[in-house]
Amino acid sequence: MTLSNLEKLEVVVKAADDRLAQDIMVMDVEQLTPLADYFMVTHASNEKQLGAIVESIIDAAEEANIAVKNVEGKDGGKWILIDLYDIIVHVFYYSERAHYNLEKVWKDAPLVDVAEWVTGE
């Protein structure tokens, strides 16, 4: 069974939330860029958690047969990008997220309500 992009997004959001990713935000960029349909942005409170979030997302994607095109910044990076073709995940170290402020760069993108997919703890 092939998952829709929204179903893939749910898998990714839940995997990040499972490792306590902070302030998960998803932007629908389908009408703004040919790069992807969704950008997900989140951050971790420390480097160990950053790695755990990234591994959780990659593992969940592979389990759900979601192709992982590329992972950048994994070796000591403070901003890790996971390219899942239609979904691009940005996992930041907490201090880097505000610096790059992708939410402002892509402010014209509608937000996707992911509240039902996260525990909110």
Protein backbone atom coordinates (compact mmCIF):
# COMPACT_ATOMS: atom_id res chain seq x y z
CA MET A 1 0.00 0.00 0.00
CA THR A 2 1.33 3.40 -0.96
CA LEU A 3 0.92 6.16 1.59
CA SER A 4 -0.31 9.61 0.64
CA ASN A 5 2.01 12.51 1.37
CA LEU A 6 -0.20 13.48 4.32
CA GLU A 7 0.04 9.93 5.71
CA LYS A 8 3.81 10.04 5.26
CA LEU A 9 3.86 13.35 7.08
CA GLU A 10 1.94 11.82 9.98
CA VAL A 11 4.53 9.02 10.27
CA VAL A 12 7.36 11.57 10.34
CA VAL A 13 5.69 13.92 12.85
CA LYS A 14 4.85 11.06 15.22
CA ALA A 15 8.42 9.72 15.00
CA ALA A 16 9.84 13.14 15.89
CA ASP A 17 7.31 13.60 18.69
CA ASP A 18 8.20 10.16 20.05
CA ARG A 19 11.71 11.51 20.75
CA LEU A 20 10.32 14.71 22.30
CA ALA A 21 11.06 17.00 19.36
CA GLN A 22 10.22 20.57 20.32
CA ASP A 23 7.77 22.93 18.61
CA ILE A 24 7.04 20.78 15.55
CA MET A 25 5.84 22.99 12.71
CA VAL A 26 4.81 21.86 9.24
CA MET A 27 4.44 24.18 6.28
CA ASP A 28 2.61 23.29 3.08
CA VAL A 29 5.05 24.54 0.43
CA GLU A 30 3.59 22.68 -2.54
CA GLN A 31 2.45 25.91 -4.24
CA LEU A 32 5.67 27.78 -3.40
CA THR A 33 8.51 25.49 -4.49
CA PRO A 34 9.08 22.42 -6.64
CA LEU A 35 11.40 21.03 -3.94
CA ALA A 36 8.73 19.34 -1.82
CA ASP A 37 5.12 19.41 -0.70
CA TYR A 38 5.91 19.86 3.00
CA PHE A 39 8.68 21.32 5.13
CA MET A 40 8.76 20.15 8.72
CA VAL A 41 10.78 22.18 11.21
CA THR A 42 11.57 21.14 14.77
CA HIS A 43 14.37 21.39 17.30
CA ALA A 44 16.10 19.46 20.04
CA SER A 45 17.25 20.68 23.41
CA ASN A 46 20.64 18.93 23.18
CA GLU A 47 22.86 17.11 20.70
CA LYS A 48 21.99 13.63 21.97
CA GLN A 49 18.29 14.35 21.51
CA LEU A 50 18.97 15.79 18.05
CA GLY A 51 20.50 12.48 17.00
CA ALA A 52 17.67 10.50 18.56
CA ILE A 53 15.04 12.54 16.69
CA VAL A 54 16.83 12.08 13.37
CA GLU A 55 17.28 8.32 13.90
CA SER A 56 13.63 7.95 14.93
CA ILE A 57 12.45 9.73 11.78
CA ILE A 58 14.73 7.68 9.50
CA ASP A 59 13.74 4.39 11.18
CA ALA A 60 10.01 5.19 11.00
CA ALA A 61 10.31 6.26 7.36
CA GLU A 62 12.09 3.05 6.41
CA GLU A 63 9.55 0.97 8.36
CA ALA A 64 6.69 2.67 6.48
CA ASN A 65 8.48 2.23 3.12
CA ILE A 66 9.04 5.97 2.77
CA ALA A 67 12.13 6.52 0.67
CA VAL A 68 14.93 8.49 2.32
CA LYS A 69 16.66 10.40 -0.46
CA ASN A 70 19.38 12.06 1.59
CA VAL A 71 20.43 13.11 5.09
CA GLU A 72 22.70 16.15 5.42
CA GLY A 73 24.48 17.59 8.44
CA LYS A 74 24.44 14.38 10.46
CA ASP A 75 28.15 14.47 11.30
CA GLY A 76 28.31 17.06 14.07
CA GLY A 77 25.80 19.40 12.49
CA LYS A 78 23.48 21.68 14.38
CA TRP A 79 20.98 21.56 11.51
CA ILE A 80 20.13 18.17 10.05
CA LEU A 81 18.09 17.96 6.89
CA ILE A 82 16.26 14.76 6.00
CA ASP A 83 15.06 14.66 2.40
CA LEU A 84 12.10 12.30 1.97
CA TYR A 85 11.38 13.55 -1.56
CA ASP A 86 7.93 15.11 -0.92
CA ILE A 87 8.74 15.99 2.68
CA ILE A 88 11.86 17.80 3.83
CA VAL A 89 12.54 17.64 7.54
CA HIS A 90 14.72 20.24 9.25
CA VAL A 91 15.89 19.24 12.74
CA PHE A 92 17.76 22.01 14.50
CA TYR A 93 19.79 22.27 17.66
CA TYR A 94 17.67 24.69 19.71
CA SER A 95 20.06 27.65 19.42
CA GLU A 96 20.27 27.36 15.62
CA ARG A 97 16.55 27.35 14.84
CA ALA A 98 15.98 31.02 15.61
CA HIS A 99 19.12 31.97 13.70
CA TYR A 100 17.95 30.41 10.43
CA ASN A 101 14.26 31.20 11.07
CA LEU A 102 12.85 29.06 8.24
CA GLU A 103 9.36 29.83 9.46
CA LYS A 104 9.89 33.47 8.48
CA VAL A 105 11.59 32.61 5.18
CA TRP A 106 8.57 30.47 4.23
CA LYS A 107 5.97 32.70 5.91
CA ASP A 108 3.69 32.54 2.85
CA ALA A 109 3.28 28.78 3.28
CA PRO A 110 0.07 27.65 5.00
CA LEU A 111 0.65 25.75 8.23
CA VAL A 112 -0.49 22.15 8.57
CA ASP A 113 -2.31 21.36 11.80
CA VAL A 114 -0.37 18.48 13.39
CA ALA A 115 -1.88 18.83 16.86
CA GLU A 116 -3.64 15.45 16.71
CA TRP A 117 -0.34 13.72 15.89
CA VAL A 118 1.68 15.08 18.81
CA THR A 119 1.38 14.39 22.51
CA GLY A 120 1.79 18.04 23.48
CA GLU A 121 3.87 17.20 26.54
